[in-house]
């Protein structure tokens, strides 16, 4: 198979994180495109082809359910650390996006491979999401904030005790693009051993 390598390089290098405040809140994304985003995610590599990912896609009024759930869980568990701004962000950010995809890891019950390999597989799936939204001219953002690391949130996403919520992938219509950020010179990050 031949692919236009210049286009592939450009796609990878033009991927950006685009935050909810940068989206057009009235923007919508067709369900067919959202399906393509999650389907491309499922083509990520995984050791033993375990495919340890599960995606929960919130669109339309579903975004309100997510917003209410995460803001109220935060309020119930924050105690003295409660911050109104955090609560407000959790309640409003999902509504700024066209869709929010919960990124879940369903742990192999046989624990055939180390957990880190399943985490890596889900992360690779998220990169496929990023590249797909970029190809469609949309914005994407992987956040691990909010209720991501709260064990009490697992049930809402259909996760068991050994499973993990790995964050949320926001998808939206870009109103304010993200600028490119510098990358360190290759020589600082790569060691070549030849011969």
Foldseek 3Di string as FASTA:
>chain_A
DDDDVVVVVCLLQPQDADFLVQFALPFADDPVLVVVLQVLLQPFDAVVSPSQKDKDKAADCSLQVQLVVLLVVCVVPCPPNDDVVVSVCSNPSSSSFRMKIWIKGAQDPVPPDPVVRSVVSSVRSVVSSSSSLSVVQKHKHWDCDGCQQPPVCQVVVPHDPPMGGRTMMGIHHGNDDDDRDDDPPPVVPDDDDDD
